[in-house]
C-alpha cells in the first residue's frame, strides 16, 4: 500500500466527467491532436514556451520523432501523471492534463493543462481540472496542487478559480514575451479546501 509520501503515479486511471474523460494516451489515435498542440502558437504563448510570434515552421520528421518519443512514454512514468483529455461527445482527444514536479517531503505537485482549439471555450478545462485534482487528493494523497497562469490569460485564471484554485501571489515580470514583461500569478488548492467544496467553491 502506498504511503502519502509515495503516491501511485504508475497507475494511469481513466476519470469520467460529464463533458470529458481523462485517460492514458493512445499515441496513434491521439497523435493528430498532440501534433496540433505542439504547433499551435497560442498554446506556446499561454504556456510560456514561446517568447514571441514567429513564422510557422513545417512539421519535420525530427519533430514527429520527438513527439512520439515523449508521448509514447507518458504511460510508463512513475513520478508524474499525464492523461489525455477526451471530448465525450466525439471520443476525440482534445488536449492533455498533467500532475508533475512531485515534492514528496511536502506532498505537493504542479498542475498544467493544454487544450487544442476544438476543446476550448466549452467548459472542458474546468471539468478536467476538477477530475485530476480530485484524483490527486482523494487517491494519491496529495496535500497541495499548484500552478502558474500568465497575466495575458485571464480566462484560464477564472477557470482555475471555478475549480477551487486560490490566488497566492504574483511573480512579477516572470516572462519576457514579444518584447514585454508579463506577470505570473501563482495559484494553489489544498486538500482541506477540496474536502469542503470538491472543486466547486462559492465565488
C-alpha atoms as a PDB file:
ATOM      1  CA  UNK A   1       0.000   0.000   0.000  1.00  0.00           C
ATOM      2  CA  UNK A   2       1.306   3.427  -0.899  1.00  0.00           C
ATOM      3  CA  UNK A   3       2.019   5.938   1.837  1.00  0.00           C
ATOM      4  CA  UNK A   4       1.030   9.593   1.331  1.00  0.00           C
ATOM      5  CA  UNK A   5       4.705  10.250   0.552  1.00  0.00           C
ATOM      6  CA  UNK A   6       4.661   7.682  -2.279  1.00  0.00           C
ATOM      7  CA  UNK A   7       1.592   8.191  -4.464  1.00  0.00           C
ATOM      8  CA  UNK A   8       0.905   5.627  -7.154  1.00  0.00           C
ATOM      9  CA  UNK A   9       1.695   7.686 -10.227  1.00  0.00           C
ATOM     10  CA  UNK A  10       2.481   4.482 -12.128  1.00  0.00           C
ATOM     11  CA  UNK A  11      -1.203   3.546 -12.277  1.00  0.00           C
ATOM     12  CA  UNK A  12      -2.811   5.648 -15.004  1.00  0.00           C
ATOM     13  CA  UNK A  13      -6.531   5.990 -14.262  1.00  0.00           C
ATOM     14  CA  UNK A  14      -9.480   6.716 -16.514  1.00  0.00           C
ATOM     15  CA  UNK A  15     -11.595   9.506 -14.998  1.00  0.00           C
ATOM     16  CA  UNK A  16     -15.085  10.297 -16.288  1.00  0.00           C
ATOM     17  CA  UNK A  17     -16.860  13.650 -16.196  1.00  0.00           C
ATOM     18  CA  UNK A  18     -19.994  14.914 -17.898  1.00  0.00           C
ATOM     19  CA  UNK A  19     -18.093  16.627 -20.717  1.00  0.00           C
ATOM     20  CA  UNK A  20     -14.703  14.953 -20.803  1.00  0.00           C
ATOM     21  CA  UNK A  21     -12.929  11.724 -19.982  1.00  0.00           C
ATOM     22  CA  UNK A  22      -9.318  11.686 -18.839  1.00  0.00           C
ATOM     23  CA  UNK A  23      -7.471   8.551 -19.896  1.00  0.00           C
ATOM     24  CA  UNK A  24      -3.979   7.228 -20.661  1.00  0.00           C
ATOM     25  CA  UNK A  25      -2.587   8.252 -24.026  1.00  0.00           C
ATOM     26  CA  UNK A  26      -3.193   6.150 -27.139  1.00  0.00           C
ATOM     27  CA  UNK A  27      -0.449   7.532 -29.301  1.00  0.00           C
ATOM     28  CA  UNK A  28      -1.642   6.570 -32.779  1.00  0.00           C
ATOM     29  CA  UNK A  29      -5.163   7.758 -32.005  1.00  0.00           C
ATOM     30  CA  UNK A  30      -4.146  10.947 -30.195  1.00  0.00           C
ATOM     31  CA  UNK A  31      -1.200  11.962 -32.384  1.00  0.00           C
ATOM     32  CA  UNK A  32      -3.086  14.467 -34.607  1.00  0.00           C
ATOM     33  CA  UNK A  33      -4.215  16.484 -31.581  1.00  0.00           C
ATOM     34  CA  UNK A  34      -0.845  16.282 -29.836  1.00  0.00           C
ATOM     35  CA  UNK A  35       0.844  17.392 -33.043  1.00  0.00           C
ATOM     36  CA  UNK A  36      -1.523  20.354 -33.316  1.00  0.00           C
ATOM     37  CA  UNK A  37      -0.851  21.350 -29.694  1.00  0.00           C
ATOM     38  CA  UNK A  38       2.886  21.455 -30.283  1.00  0.00           C
ATOM     39  CA  UNK A  39       2.434  23.539 -33.437  1.00  0.00           C
ATOM     40  CA  UNK A  40      -0.164  25.942 -32.014  1.00  0.00           C
ATOM     41  CA  UNK A  41       1.395  29.381 -31.342  1.00  0.00           C
ATOM     42  CA  UNK A  42      -1.413  30.202 -28.885  1.00  0.00           C
ATOM     43  CA  UNK A  43      -0.502  27.181 -26.768  1.00  0.00           C
ATOM     44  CA  UNK A  44       3.139  28.250 -26.878  1.00  0.00           C
ATOM     45  CA  UNK A  45       2.197  31.766 -25.773  1.00  0.00           C
ATOM     46  CA  UNK A  46      -0.120  30.736 -22.928  1.00  0.00           C
ATOM     47  CA  UNK A  47       2.322  28.180 -21.544  1.00  0.00           C
ATOM     48  CA  UNK A  48       5.333  30.464 -21.836  1.00  0.00           C
ATOM     49  CA  UNK A  49       7.223  28.006 -24.018  1.00  0.00           C
ATOM     50  CA  UNK A  50       7.398  30.594 -26.818  1.00  0.00           C
ATOM     51  CA  UNK A  51       8.725  34.101 -26.314  1.00  0.00           C
ATOM     52  CA  UNK A  52       7.219  35.928 -29.238  1.00  0.00           C
ATOM     53  CA  UNK A  53       5.460  35.496 -32.568  1.00  0.00           C
ATOM     54  CA  UNK A  54       7.452  33.569 -35.137  1.00  0.00           C
ATOM     55  CA  UNK A  55       6.757  32.365 -38.648  1.00  0.00           C
ATOM     56  CA  UNK A  56       5.264  28.865 -38.514  1.00  0.00           C
ATOM     57  CA  UNK A  57       7.759  26.176 -39.372  1.00  0.00           C
ATOM     58  CA  UNK A  58       6.851  22.999 -41.236  1.00  0.00           C
ATOM     59  CA  UNK A  59       6.497  19.923 -39.061  1.00  0.00           C
ATOM     60  CA  UNK A  60       9.649  17.885 -39.575  1.00  0.00           C
ATOM     61  CA  UNK A  61      10.474  14.221 -39.222  1.00  0.00           C
ATOM     62  CA  UNK A  62      12.591  15.162 -36.203  1.00  0.00           C
ATOM     63  CA  UNK A  63       9.590  16.923 -34.637  1.00  0.00           C
ATOM     64  CA  UNK A  64       7.475  13.820 -35.187  1.00  0.00           C
ATOM     65  CA  UNK A  65      10.125  11.578 -33.619  1.00  0.00           C
ATOM     66  CA  UNK A  66      10.416  13.820 -30.562  1.00  0.00           C
ATOM     67  CA  UNK A  67       6.649  13.999 -30.136  1.00  0.00           C
ATOM     68  CA  UNK A  68       6.268  10.228 -30.368  1.00  0.00           C
ATOM     69  CA  UNK A  69       9.201   9.605 -28.044  1.00  0.00           C
ATOM     70  CA  UNK A  70       7.690  11.917 -25.410  1.00  0.00           C
ATOM     71  CA  UNK A  71       4.034  10.904 -25.525  1.00  0.00           C
ATOM     72  CA  UNK A  72       4.877   7.285 -26.211  1.00  0.00           C
ATOM     73  CA  UNK A  73       6.464   7.048 -22.762  1.00  0.00           C
ATOM     74  CA  UNK A  74       3.925   9.038 -20.695  1.00  0.00           C
ATOM     75  CA  UNK A  75       2.049   5.908 -19.617  1.00  0.00           C
ATOM     76  CA  UNK A  76       5.259   4.433 -18.183  1.00  0.00           C
ATOM     77  CA  UNK A  77       6.167   7.319 -15.870  1.00  0.00           C
ATOM     78  CA  UNK A  78       6.143   6.542 -12.146  1.00  0.00           C
ATOM     79  CA  UNK A  79       6.784  10.081 -10.839  1.00  0.00           C
ATOM     80  CA  UNK A  80       4.084  12.031 -12.686  1.00  0.00           C
ATOM     81  CA  UNK A  81       0.622  11.646 -14.179  1.00  0.00           C
ATOM     82  CA  UNK A  82      -0.070  12.643 -17.800  1.00  0.00           C
ATOM     83  CA  UNK A  83      -3.542  11.981 -19.223  1.00  0.00           C
ATOM     84  CA  UNK A  84      -5.321  12.758 -22.474  1.00  0.00           C
ATOM     85  CA  UNK A  85      -8.429  14.953 -22.324  1.00  0.00           C
ATOM     86  CA  UNK A  86     -11.137  13.373 -24.467  1.00  0.00           C
ATOM     87  CA  UNK A  87     -14.361  15.013 -25.649  1.00  0.00           C
ATOM     88  CA  UNK A  88     -17.041  12.560 -24.514  1.00  0.00           C
ATOM     89  CA  UNK A  89     -19.365  13.595 -27.339  1.00  0.00           C
ATOM     90  CA  UNK A  90     -16.931  12.797 -30.134  1.00  0.00           C
ATOM     91  CA  UNK A  91     -14.483  10.440 -28.426  1.00  0.00           C
ATOM     92  CA  UNK A  92     -11.589  12.541 -29.738  1.00  0.00           C
ATOM     93  CA  UNK A  93      -8.561  13.708 -27.793  1.00  0.00           C
ATOM     94  CA  UNK A  94      -8.636  17.493 -27.357  1.00  0.00           C
ATOM     95  CA  UNK A  95      -5.654  18.032 -25.058  1.00  0.00           C
ATOM     96  CA  UNK A  96      -3.729  16.891 -22.013  1.00  0.00           C
ATOM     97  CA  UNK A  97      -3.612  17.350 -18.238  1.00  0.00           C
ATOM     98  CA  UNK A  98      -0.555  16.765 -16.080  1.00  0.00           C
ATOM     99  CA  UNK A  99       0.409  16.417 -12.426  1.00  0.00           C
ATOM    100  CA  UNK A 100       4.195  16.759 -12.246  1.00  0.00           C
ATOM    101  CA  UNK A 101       7.051  18.189 -10.173  1.00  0.00           C
ATOM    102  CA  UNK A 102       6.229  15.829  -7.300  1.00  0.00           C
ATOM    103  CA  UNK A 103       7.630  17.018  -3.954  1.00  0.00           C
ATOM    104  CA  UNK A 104       7.469  14.044  -1.586  1.00  0.00           C
ATOM    105  CA  UNK A 105       8.503  15.910   1.562  1.00  0.00           C
ATOM    106  CA  UNK A 106       5.632  18.361   1.120  1.00  0.00           C
ATOM    107  CA  UNK A 107       3.139  16.088  -0.710  1.00  0.00           C
ATOM    108  CA  UNK A 108       2.712  18.642  -3.467  1.00  0.00           C
ATOM    109  CA  UNK A 109       2.515  18.662  -7.247  1.00  0.00           C
ATOM    110  CA  UNK A 110       2.310  21.134 -10.084  1.00  0.00           C
ATOM    111  CA  UNK A 111      -0.701  21.071 -12.406  1.00  0.00           C
ATOM    112  CA  UNK A 112      -0.872  22.063 -16.043  1.00  0.00           C
ATOM    113  CA  UNK A 113      -3.327  21.688 -18.886  1.00  0.00           C
ATOM    114  CA  UNK A 114      -3.221  22.344 -22.632  1.00  0.00           C
ATOM    115  CA  UNK A 115      -6.257  22.195 -24.894  1.00  0.00           C
ATOM    116  CA  UNK A 116      -6.364  22.240 -28.666  1.00  0.00           C
ATOM    117  CA  UNK A 117      -8.776  24.622 -30.393  1.00  0.00           C
ATOM    118  CA  UNK A 118     -11.708  22.121 -30.532  1.00  0.00           C
ATOM    119  CA  UNK A 119     -11.563  21.798 -26.735  1.00  0.00           C
ATOM    120  CA  UNK A 120     -11.574  25.488 -25.838  1.00  0.00           C
ATOM    121  CA  UNK A 121     -14.396  27.658 -24.500  1.00  0.00           C
ATOM    122  CA  UNK A 122     -16.612  24.644 -23.766  1.00  0.00           C
ATOM    123  CA  UNK A 123     -16.055  24.114 -20.051  1.00  0.00           C
ATOM    124  CA  UNK A 124     -13.632  21.269 -20.700  1.00  0.00           C
ATOM    125  CA  UNK A 125     -10.726  22.886 -18.851  1.00  0.00           C
ATOM    126  CA  UNK A 126     -12.620  23.417 -15.594  1.00  0.00           C
ATOM    127  CA  UNK A 127     -14.029  19.898 -15.591  1.00  0.00           C
ATOM    128  CA  UNK A 128     -10.678  18.325 -16.485  1.00  0.00           C
ATOM    129  CA  UNK A 129      -9.044  20.267 -13.649  1.00  0.00           C
ATOM    130  CA  UNK A 130     -11.659  19.073 -11.172  1.00  0.00           C
ATOM    131  CA  UNK A 131     -11.224  15.463 -12.263  1.00  0.00           C
ATOM    132  CA  UNK A 132      -7.454  15.305 -11.964  1.00  0.00           C
ATOM    133  CA  UNK A 133      -7.307  17.456  -8.816  1.00  0.00           C
ATOM    134  CA  UNK A 134      -9.895  15.231  -7.163  1.00  0.00           C
ATOM    135  CA  UNK A 135      -7.837  12.183  -8.100  1.00  0.00           C
ATOM    136  CA  UNK A 136      -4.726  13.851  -6.723  1.00  0.00           C
ATOM    137  CA  UNK A 137      -6.255  14.499  -3.329  1.00  0.00           C
ATOM    138  CA  UNK A 138      -8.557  11.506  -2.942  1.00  0.00           C
ATOM    139  CA  UNK A 139      -6.436   8.740  -4.481  1.00  0.00           C
ATOM    140  CA  UNK A 140      -2.840   9.977  -4.442  1.00  0.00           C
ATOM    141  CA  UNK A 141      -2.830  11.584  -1.003  1.00  0.00           C
ATOM    142  CA  UNK A 142      -1.572  14.985  -2.141  1.00  0.00           C
ATOM    143  CA  UNK A 143      -1.807  17.974   0.180  1.00  0.00           C
ATOM    144  CA  UNK A 144      -1.197  20.819  -2.277  1.00  0.00           C
ATOM    145  CA  UNK A 145      -1.562  21.266  -6.036  1.00  0.00           C
ATOM    146  CA  UNK A 146      -0.267  24.491  -7.559  1.00  0.00           C
ATOM    147  CA  UNK A 147       0.038  26.189 -10.923  1.00  0.00           C
ATOM    148  CA  UNK A 148       1.045  29.429 -12.597  1.00  0.00           C
ATOM    149  CA  UNK A 149      -1.015  31.465 -15.051  1.00  0.00           C
ATOM    150  CA  UNK A 150       0.293  34.399 -17.053  1.00  0.00           C
ATOM    151  CA  UNK A 151      -1.405  37.794 -16.931  1.00  0.00           C
ATOM    152  CA  UNK A 152      -2.475  37.606 -20.592  1.00  0.00           C
ATOM    153  CA  UNK A 153      -4.603  34.524 -19.820  1.00  0.00           C
ATOM    154  CA  UNK A 154      -7.450  35.797 -17.608  1.00  0.00           C
ATOM    155  CA  UNK A 155      -9.848  33.172 -18.984  1.00  0.00           C
ATOM    156  CA  UNK A 156      -7.675  30.392 -17.583  1.00  0.00           C
ATOM    157  CA  UNK A 157      -7.412  32.171 -14.239  1.00  0.00           C
ATOM    158  CA  UNK A 158     -11.220  32.238 -13.968  1.00  0.00           C
ATOM    159  CA  UNK A 159     -11.452  28.561 -14.940  1.00  0.00           C
ATOM    160  CA  UNK A 160      -8.929  27.640 -12.237  1.00  0.00           C
ATOM    161  CA  UNK A 161     -10.848  29.677  -9.663  1.00  0.00           C
ATOM    162  CA  UNK A 162     -14.031  27.806 -10.607  1.00  0.00           C
ATOM    163  CA  UNK A 163     -12.182  24.561  -9.883  1.00  0.00           C
ATOM    164  CA  UNK A 164     -11.120  25.820  -6.443  1.00  0.00           C
ATOM    165  CA  UNK A 165      -7.631  27.226  -7.016  1.00  0.00           C
ATOM    166  CA  UNK A 166      -6.816  30.272  -4.879  1.00  0.00           C
ATOM    167  CA  UNK A 167      -4.534  33.149  -5.873  1.00  0.00           C
ATOM    168  CA  UNK A 168      -1.486  33.185  -3.598  1.00  0.00           C
ATOM    169  CA  UNK A 169       0.661  35.854  -5.166  1.00  0.00           C
ATOM    170  CA  UNK A 170       2.285  37.239  -8.296  1.00  0.00           C
ATOM    171  CA  UNK A 171       5.714  36.576  -9.724  1.00  0.00           C
ATOM    172  CA  UNK A 172       6.316  39.968 -11.318  1.00  0.00           C
ATOM    173  CA  UNK A 173       7.842  40.147 -14.806  1.00  0.00           C
ATOM    174  CA  UNK A 174       8.317  36.367 -14.840  1.00  0.00           C
ATOM    175  CA  UNK A 175       8.040  36.013 -18.625  1.00  0.00           C
ATOM    176  CA  UNK A 176       9.518  38.087 -21.432  1.00  0.00           C
ATOM    177  CA  UNK A 177       7.137  37.756 -24.370  1.00  0.00           C
ATOM    178  CA  UNK A 178       7.268  39.712 -27.621  1.00  0.00           C
ATOM    179  CA  UNK A 179       9.321  42.498 -26.079  1.00  0.00           C
ATOM    180  CA  UNK A 180       7.160  42.940 -22.960  1.00  0.00           C
ATOM    181  CA  UNK A 181       7.345  41.617 -19.406  1.00  0.00           C
ATOM    182  CA  UNK A 182       4.420  39.534 -18.185  1.00  0.00           C
ATOM    183  CA  UNK A 183       3.437  38.673 -14.602  1.00  0.00           C
ATOM    184  CA  UNK A 184       2.798  35.097 -13.495  1.00  0.00           C
ATOM    185  CA  UNK A 185       0.008  34.527 -10.953  1.00  0.00           C
ATOM    186  CA  UNK A 186       0.663  31.668  -8.527  1.00  0.00           C
ATOM    187  CA  UNK A 187      -2.434  29.666  -7.582  1.00  0.00           C
ATOM    188  CA  UNK A 188      -2.950  26.567  -5.456  1.00  0.00           C
ATOM    189  CA  UNK A 189      -5.578  24.354  -3.898  1.00  0.00           C
ATOM    190  CA  UNK A 190      -5.125  22.427  -0.643  1.00  0.00           C
ATOM    191  CA  UNK A 191      -6.589  19.094   0.416  1.00  0.00           C
ATOM    192  CA  UNK A 192      -8.747  20.620   3.216  1.00  0.00           C
ATOM    193  CA  UNK A 193     -10.220  23.081   0.709  1.00  0.00           C
ATOM    194  CA  UNK A 194     -11.032  20.260  -1.683  1.00  0.00           C
ATOM    195  CA  UNK A 195     -12.777  18.378   1.133  1.00  0.00           C
ATOM    196  CA  UNK A 196     -15.030  21.389   1.683  1.00  0.00           C
ATOM    197  CA  UNK A 197     -16.131  22.154  -1.869  1.00  0.00           C
ATOM    198  CA  UNK A 198     -14.953  19.326  -4.206  1.00  0.00           C
ATOM    199  CA  UNK A 199     -13.815  21.839  -6.787  1.00  0.00           C
ATOM    200  CA  UNK A 200     -16.989  23.955  -6.681  1.00  0.00           C
ATOM    201  CA  UNK A 201     -16.233  26.866  -4.350  1.00  0.00           C
ATOM    202  CA  UNK A 202     -18.577  29.743  -3.732  1.00  0.00           C
ATOM    203  CA  UNK A 203     -17.142  32.620  -5.749  1.00  0.00           C
END
